[in-house]
Amino acid sequence: MPASDLLAYVASLSPAAYCQLFYVLAAAAVLAIAAAPQSIQDQLTQYGARSSTIGTSGRNRREEKAGNGLLISIVSWVASVGNVPHSWFIHFYILSLSCSVFWAYQFLGHGTILDFIAKNQASREQVSMTMDQVILVWFLMSLQGARRLYEYVAVLRPSPSKMWIIHWLLGNAFYFCTNISIWVEGSSAIQSSDPRSFGASGLSLKIIFGILIFLGSWFLQHRCHSYLSRLKKYSLPEDGLFQYLVCPHYTCECALYLSLAVVAAPKGQMYNRTLICAVLFVAANLGVTANGTKKWYIEKFGREQVQRKRRMIPGVF
């Protein structure tokens, strides 16, 4: 395809399609790294305690380095550039909550940025979320951002570990994009409705079910994070859902975004297509991390202590 045609095609995409494209490409990049040799994965995806021990045994690691010496050296150099504190995770939730406030201000004040996005999307969408769904999904996303920010300030213990700046940039891009995604498929409703016209009596059973799943996952994730904050450093979690899953807090994260996709589904659709792409990225990203966590647990605590546990999805993964 000629470059001019490609640029014309990209320019013709709707705002929702831009968000979907970001999620799919980001998920593909994560899965591509997961398919790389273990030594390369270690350089690009691990931080903290896991970065020093996770992965192949000493002999296998030396064989990998011998076979991919130059490539691993290049990847190691790239990964060493721009390391930032793991505590910068808090920026994700500051950004998310700030975006919630910004888009609410745009919505209530008929701001030009939201109006521009809504006009470009509404001209391309066949069905739209209702105004009730728009307001509800915004509230649930705000609730999640506020709780995660509270946990980082008041619950979780600070970590001295570092992470690659690409992780930080990708996380910020995800929360920025998701705070647009929760609005974008409701563009027609945004343009034609009164911001004060919320009426909970019009919620369907599917939406109510999605809200209940969200609130249950929201509570369970907070419980997991509270437990991990009290756990002795680098010990094996065994309480509650940790008896069955290596990373139940990741399970809850996937369920949170899946429930948002259900709550935000336009009429006649099972789910919101933009937010289901966000679920794809969250599942891929956290799945790779959960796989690495299980490997680290096996090396540190023994296979018999960990093997019976699923990584993230009960009965599947």
Protein backbone atom coordinates (compact mmCIF):
# COMPACT_ATOMS: atom_id res chain seq x y z
CA MET A 1 0.00 0.00 0.00
CA PRO A 2 1.45 3.40 -0.97
CA ALA A 3 2.32 5.70 1.90
CA SER A 4 -0.22 8.29 0.76
CA ASP A 5 -3.03 5.70 0.84
CA LEU A 6 -1.93 4.52 4.25
CA LEU A 7 -1.95 8.07 5.63
CA ALA A 8 -5.38 8.68 4.11
CA TYR A 9 -6.70 5.52 5.70
CA VAL A 10 -5.29 6.42 9.12
CA ALA A 11 -6.76 9.92 8.85
CA SER A 12 -10.19 8.42 8.10
CA LEU A 13 -10.31 6.35 11.31
CA SER A 14 -12.77 7.23 14.03
CA PRO A 15 -11.60 8.20 17.56
CA ALA A 16 -12.81 4.79 18.80
CA ALA A 17 -10.72 3.06 16.11
CA TYR A 18 -7.61 4.97 17.21
CA CYS A 19 -8.12 3.73 20.78
CA GLN A 20 -8.73 0.17 19.58
CA LEU A 21 -5.61 0.29 17.42
CA PHE A 22 -3.51 1.42 20.37
CA TYR A 23 -4.71 -1.45 22.56
CA VAL A 24 -4.19 -4.09 19.87
CA LEU A 25 -0.69 -2.89 18.94
CA ALA A 26 0.32 -2.60 22.60
CA ALA A 27 -0.95 -6.13 23.31
CA ALA A 28 0.89 -7.44 20.23
CA ALA A 29 4.14 -5.83 21.43
CA VAL A 30 3.76 -7.42 24.87
CA LEU A 31 3.08 -10.86 23.37
CA ALA A 32 6.02 -10.48 20.98
CA ILE A 33 8.33 -9.86 23.93
CA ALA A 34 6.80 -12.86 25.72
CA ALA A 35 7.69 -15.04 22.72
CA ALA A 36 11.34 -13.92 22.77
CA PRO A 37 14.12 -15.98 24.39
CA GLN A 38 14.00 -15.94 28.19
CA SER A 39 17.15 -13.83 28.55
CA ILE A 40 15.57 -11.10 26.45
CA GLN A 41 12.31 -11.32 28.39
CA ASP A 42 14.26 -10.90 31.63
CA GLN A 43 15.85 -7.71 30.36
CA LEU A 44 12.62 -6.13 29.13
CA THR A 45 9.84 -7.28 31.46
CA GLN A 46 11.24 -7.93 34.93
CA TYR A 47 12.04 -5.56 37.76
CA GLY A 48 12.55 -5.77 41.51
CA ALA A 49 13.32 -9.11 43.12
CA ARG A 50 12.32 -11.12 40.07
CA SER A 51 14.87 -9.43 37.81
CA SER A 52 17.82 -11.18 39.40
CA THR A 53 16.62 -14.77 39.54
CA ILE A 54 13.67 -15.36 37.25
CA GLY A 55 13.90 -17.47 34.13
CA THR A 56 16.20 -20.21 32.97
CA SER A 57 18.71 -21.95 35.17
CA GLY A 58 22.36 -20.95 35.16
CA ARG A 59 23.50 -23.44 32.50
CA ASN A 60 20.58 -22.72 30.14
CA ARG A 61 21.03 -19.00 30.62
CA ARG A 62 24.73 -19.22 29.69
CA GLU A 63 23.83 -21.26 26.58
CA GLU A 64 21.27 -18.64 25.57
CA LYS A 65 23.76 -15.83 26.02
CA ALA A 66 26.37 -17.71 23.99
CA GLY A 67 23.89 -18.17 21.12
CA ASN A 68 22.42 -14.67 21.23
CA GLY A 69 25.30 -12.72 22.73
CA LEU A 70 25.17 -9.64 20.52
CA LEU A 71 21.36 -9.41 20.56
CA ILE A 72 21.21 -9.77 24.34
CA SER A 73 23.92 -7.15 24.75
CA ILE A 74 21.91 -4.71 22.62
CA VAL A 75 18.68 -5.45 24.50
CA SER A 76 20.49 -5.10 27.82
CA TRP A 77 21.80 -1.68 26.80
CA VAL A 78 18.36 -0.55 25.60
CA ALA A 79 16.74 -1.74 28.84
CA SER A 80 19.36 0.05 30.93
CA VAL A 81 18.54 3.41 29.35
CA GLY A 82 15.94 5.39 31.21
CA ASN A 83 15.25 3.31 34.29
CA VAL A 84 12.78 5.00 36.64
CA PRO A 85 11.65 4.18 40.20
CA HIS A 86 8.93 1.56 40.52
CA SER A 87 7.17 4.06 42.81
CA TRP A 88 6.35 6.02 39.66
CA PHE A 89 3.41 3.63 39.28
CA ILE A 90 1.54 6.23 41.30
CA HIS A 91 1.62 8.48 38.24
CA PHE A 92 -0.78 6.08 36.50
CA TYR A 93 -3.48 6.71 39.08
CA ILE A 94 -2.83 10.43 39.39
CA LEU A 95 -3.22 10.64 35.62
CA SER A 96 -6.34 8.46 35.60
CA LEU A 97 -8.08 10.50 38.29
CA SER A 98 -6.98 13.76 36.68
CA CYS A 99 -8.42 12.60 33.36
CA SER A 100 -11.70 11.70 35.09
CA VAL A 101 -11.93 15.24 36.45
CA PHE A 102 -10.91 16.79 33.13
CA TRP A 103 -13.44 14.88 31.03
CA ALA A 104 -16.21 15.55 33.57
CA TYR A 105 -15.40 19.27 33.28
CA GLN A 106 -15.46 19.00 29.49
CA PHE A 107 -18.77 17.16 29.61
CA LEU A 108 -20.55 19.50 32.01
CA GLY A 109 -19.15 22.61 30.35
CA HIS A 110 -19.63 21.45 26.75
CA GLY A 111 -15.87 21.71 26.26
CA THR A 112 -14.39 21.99 22.81
CA ILE A 113 -12.09 18.94 23.12
CA LEU A 114 -14.86 16.50 24.04
CA ASP A 115 -17.12 18.13 21.46
CA PHE A 116 -14.48 17.63 18.76
CA ILE A 117 -14.07 13.93 19.64
CA ALA A 118 -17.84 13.38 19.89
CA LYS A 119 -18.53 15.00 16.51
CA ASN A 120 -15.89 12.92 14.76
CA GLN A 121 -17.11 9.71 16.38
CA ALA A 122 -20.87 10.34 16.08
CA SER A 123 -20.62 10.76 12.32
CA ARG A 124 -19.22 7.21 12.05
CA GLU A 125 -21.07 5.21 14.73
CA GLN A 126 -24.31 3.34 14.06
CA VAL A 127 -25.31 2.78 17.70
CA SER A 128 -24.35 4.67 20.84
CA MET A 129 -24.24 4.18 24.56
CA THR A 130 -27.03 5.92 26.44
CA MET A 131 -26.38 8.97 28.59
CA ASP A 132 -26.92 6.83 31.70
CA GLN A 133 -24.18 4.45 30.57
CA VAL A 134 -21.76 7.28 29.82
CA ILE A 135 -22.16 8.77 33.30
CA LEU A 136 -22.11 5.39 35.03
CA VAL A 137 -18.95 4.12 33.33
CA TRP A 138 -17.21 7.43 34.03
CA PHE A 139 -18.12 7.07 37.72
CA LEU A 140 -16.86 3.47 37.92
CA MET A 141 -13.56 4.38 36.23
CA SER A 142 -13.17 7.30 38.63
CA LEU A 143 -13.85 4.98 41.56
CA GLN A 144 -11.11 2.61 40.39
CA GLY A 145 -8.59 5.43 39.88
CA ALA A 146 -9.35 6.92 43.30
CA ARG A 147 -8.97 3.58 45.08
CA ARG A 148 -5.69 2.74 43.37
CA LEU A 149 -4.30 6.17 44.20
CA TYR A 150 -5.37 5.72 47.84
CA GLU A 151 -3.67 2.32 47.97
CA TYR A 152 -0.39 3.69 46.67
CA VAL A 153 -0.45 6.52 49.19
CA ALA A 154 -1.78 4.74 52.28
CA VAL A 155 -1.65 0.94 51.84
CA LEU A 156 1.22 -0.34 49.71
CA ARG A 157 4.80 -0.30 50.95
CA PRO A 158 7.30 1.71 48.90
CA SER A 159 9.64 -0.33 46.71
CA PRO A 160 13.26 0.61 45.90
CA SER A 161 13.17 -1.34 42.61
CA LYS A 162 13.45 0.19 39.17
CA MET A 163 11.50 -0.31 35.95
CA TRP A 164 12.16 0.47 32.32
CA ILE A 165 10.77 3.86 31.31
CA ILE A 166 8.87 2.18 28.45
CA HIS A 167 6.75 0.41 31.10
CA TRP A 168 5.98 3.77 32.64
CA LEU A 169 5.14 5.39 29.30
CA LEU A 170 2.94 2.47 28.26
CA GLY A 171 1.06 2.54 31.57
CA ASN A 172 0.40 6.26 31.27
CA ALA A 173 -0.71 5.83 27.66
CA PHE A 174 -3.11 3.09 28.72
CA TYR A 175 -4.83 5.17 31.39
CA PHE A 176 -4.96 8.22 29.14
CA CYS A 177 -6.50 6.21 26.31
CA THR A 178 -8.95 4.35 28.57
CA ASN A 179 -10.29 7.59 30.00
CA ILE A 180 -11.17 8.55 26.42
CA SER A 181 -12.50 5.07 25.59
CA ILE A 182 -15.14 5.16 28.30
CA TRP A 183 -16.72 8.20 26.59
CA VAL A 184 -16.09 7.69 22.92
CA GLU A 185 -18.80 5.15 22.01
CA GLY A 186 -21.39 7.36 23.68
CA SER A 187 -20.70 10.30 21.38
CA SER A 188 -24.19 10.50 19.89
CA ALA A 189 -25.74 10.55 23.36
CA ILE A 190 -23.25 13.17 24.54
CA GLN A 191 -24.19 15.46 21.68
CA SER A 192 -27.95 15.08 22.07
CA SER A 193 -28.52 14.72 25.81
CA ASP A 194 -28.60 16.93 28.88
CA PRO A 195 -25.61 16.16 31.18
CA ARG A 196 -28.01 16.29 34.12
CA SER A 197 -30.36 13.68 32.66
CA PHE A 198 -29.06 10.61 34.53
CA GLY A 199 -31.78 8.15 35.54
CA ALA A 200 -30.77 4.87 37.18
CA SER A 201 -34.28 3.45 36.70
CA GLY A 202 -33.48 2.83 33.03
CA LEU A 203 -30.60 0.40 33.69
CA SER A 204 -30.96 -3.08 32.17
CA LEU A 205 -30.27 -6.34 33.99
CA LYS A 206 -27.05 -6.72 31.95
CA ILE A 207 -25.81 -3.35 33.15
CA ILE A 208 -26.74 -4.12 36.75
CA PHE A 209 -24.90 -7.46 36.46
CA GLY A 210 -21.84 -5.66 35.11
CA ILE A 211 -21.95 -3.18 37.99
CA LEU A 212 -22.09 -6.02 40.53
CA ILE A 213 -19.11 -7.76 38.89
CA PHE A 214 -17.20 -4.48 38.93
CA LEU A 215 -17.90 -3.80 42.60
CA GLY A 216 -17.06 -7.38 43.61
CA SER A 217 -13.77 -7.28 41.69
CA TRP A 218 -13.05 -3.79 43.05
CA PHE A 219 -13.43 -5.00 46.63
CA LEU A 220 -11.49 -8.25 46.11
CA GLN A 221 -8.59 -6.44 44.45
CA HIS A 222 -8.37 -4.04 47.38
CA ARG A 223 -8.36 -7.02 49.75
CA CYS A 224 -5.52 -8.64 47.76
CA HIS A 225 -3.47 -5.44 47.80
CA SER A 226 -4.05 -4.95 51.53
CA TYR A 227 -2.92 -8.52 52.20
CA LEU A 228 0.22 -8.15 50.06
CA SER A 229 1.12 -4.94 51.89
CA ARG A 230 1.12 -6.82 55.21
CA LEU A 231 2.96 -9.86 53.89
CA LYS A 232 6.58 -10.46 54.86
CA LYS A 233 8.80 -9.34 51.98
CA TYR A 234 9.48 -12.03 49.35
CA SER A 235 7.33 -14.65 51.07
CA LEU A 236 4.69 -16.82 49.37
CA PRO A 237 1.13 -15.42 49.54
CA GLU A 238 -1.33 -18.08 50.72
CA ASP A 239 -4.38 -16.23 52.03
CA GLY A 240 -7.81 -16.11 50.36
CA LEU A 241 -7.66 -16.27 46.58
CA PHE A 242 -3.88 -16.64 46.73
CA GLN A 243 -4.50 -20.27 47.72
CA TYR A 244 -5.67 -20.95 44.18
CA LEU A 245 -4.09 -18.25 42.02
CA VAL A 246 -0.61 -16.76 41.81
CA CYS A 247 -1.94 -13.28 40.96
CA PRO A 248 -5.64 -12.95 41.90
CA HIS A 249 -5.27 -9.16 41.95
CA TYR A 250 -4.55 -9.41 38.20
CA THR A 251 -7.66 -11.56 37.79
CA CYS A 252 -9.64 -8.79 39.47
CA GLU A 253 -8.08 -6.18 37.18
CA CYS A 254 -9.20 -8.10 34.10
CA ALA A 255 -12.68 -8.57 35.58
CA LEU A 256 -12.91 -4.84 36.33
CA TYR A 257 -12.28 -3.82 32.73
CA LEU A 258 -14.41 -6.65 31.35
CA SER A 259 -17.32 -5.46 33.50
CA LEU A 260 -16.81 -1.91 32.19
CA ALA A 261 -17.01 -3.28 28.64
CA VAL A 262 -20.33 -4.93 29.53
CA VAL A 263 -21.77 -1.88 31.31
CA ALA A 264 -20.75 0.35 28.37
CA ALA A 265 -22.14 -1.91 25.62
CA PRO A 266 -24.28 0.06 23.13
CA LYS A 267 -27.79 -1.24 22.47
CA GLY A 268 -27.76 -4.56 20.64
CA GLN A 269 -24.13 -5.35 21.48
CA MET A 270 -22.78 -7.73 24.13
CA TYR A 271 -19.87 -5.46 24.97
CA ASN A 272 -18.26 -2.13 24.16
CA ARG A 273 -15.82 -2.84 21.34
CA THR A 274 -13.30 -0.22 22.36
CA LEU A 275 -13.21 -1.33 25.99
CA ILE A 276 -13.00 -5.00 25.05
CA CYS A 277 -9.77 -4.09 23.23
CA ALA A 278 -8.60 -2.57 26.52
CA VAL A 279 -9.39 -5.91 28.19
CA LEU A 280 -7.25 -7.63 25.54
CA PHE A 281 -4.27 -5.46 26.43
CA VAL A 282 -4.77 -5.82 30.20
CA ALA A 283 -5.03 -9.62 29.92
CA ALA A 284 -1.94 -9.87 27.71
CA ASN A 285 0.16 -7.52 29.82
CA LEU A 286 -0.79 -8.97 33.20
CA GLY A 287 -0.72 -12.53 31.86
CA VAL A 288 2.93 -12.16 30.90
CA THR A 289 3.71 -10.70 34.34
CA ALA A 290 1.75 -13.46 36.12
CA ASN A 291 3.68 -16.10 34.17
CA GLY A 292 6.97 -14.54 35.27
CA THR A 293 5.77 -14.34 38.86
CA LYS A 294 4.93 -18.05 38.92
CA LYS A 295 8.37 -18.92 37.55
CA TRP A 296 9.99 -16.81 40.26
CA TYR A 297 7.87 -18.45 42.97
CA ILE A 298 8.85 -21.93 41.70
CA GLU A 299 12.56 -21.05 41.81
CA LYS A 300 12.31 -19.47 45.26
CA PHE A 301 9.79 -21.71 47.06
CA GLY A 302 9.88 -24.98 45.11
CA ARG A 303 7.61 -26.45 42.46
CA GLU A 304 5.51 -28.42 44.95
CA GLN A 305 4.45 -25.20 46.72
CA VAL A 306 3.32 -23.39 43.57
CA GLN A 307 2.53 -25.87 40.80
CA ARG A 308 -1.11 -26.45 41.89
CA LYS A 309 -1.89 -22.74 41.54
CA ARG A 310 -3.12 -21.21 38.31
CA ARG A 311 -1.37 -18.03 37.25
CA MET A 312 -4.34 -15.72 36.73
CA ILE A 313 -7.46 -17.36 35.27
CA PRO A 314 -9.08 -20.15 37.35
CA GLY A 315 -9.00 -23.50 35.55
CA VAL A 316 -7.42 -22.03 32.41
CA PHE A 317 -4.15 -20.13 32.92
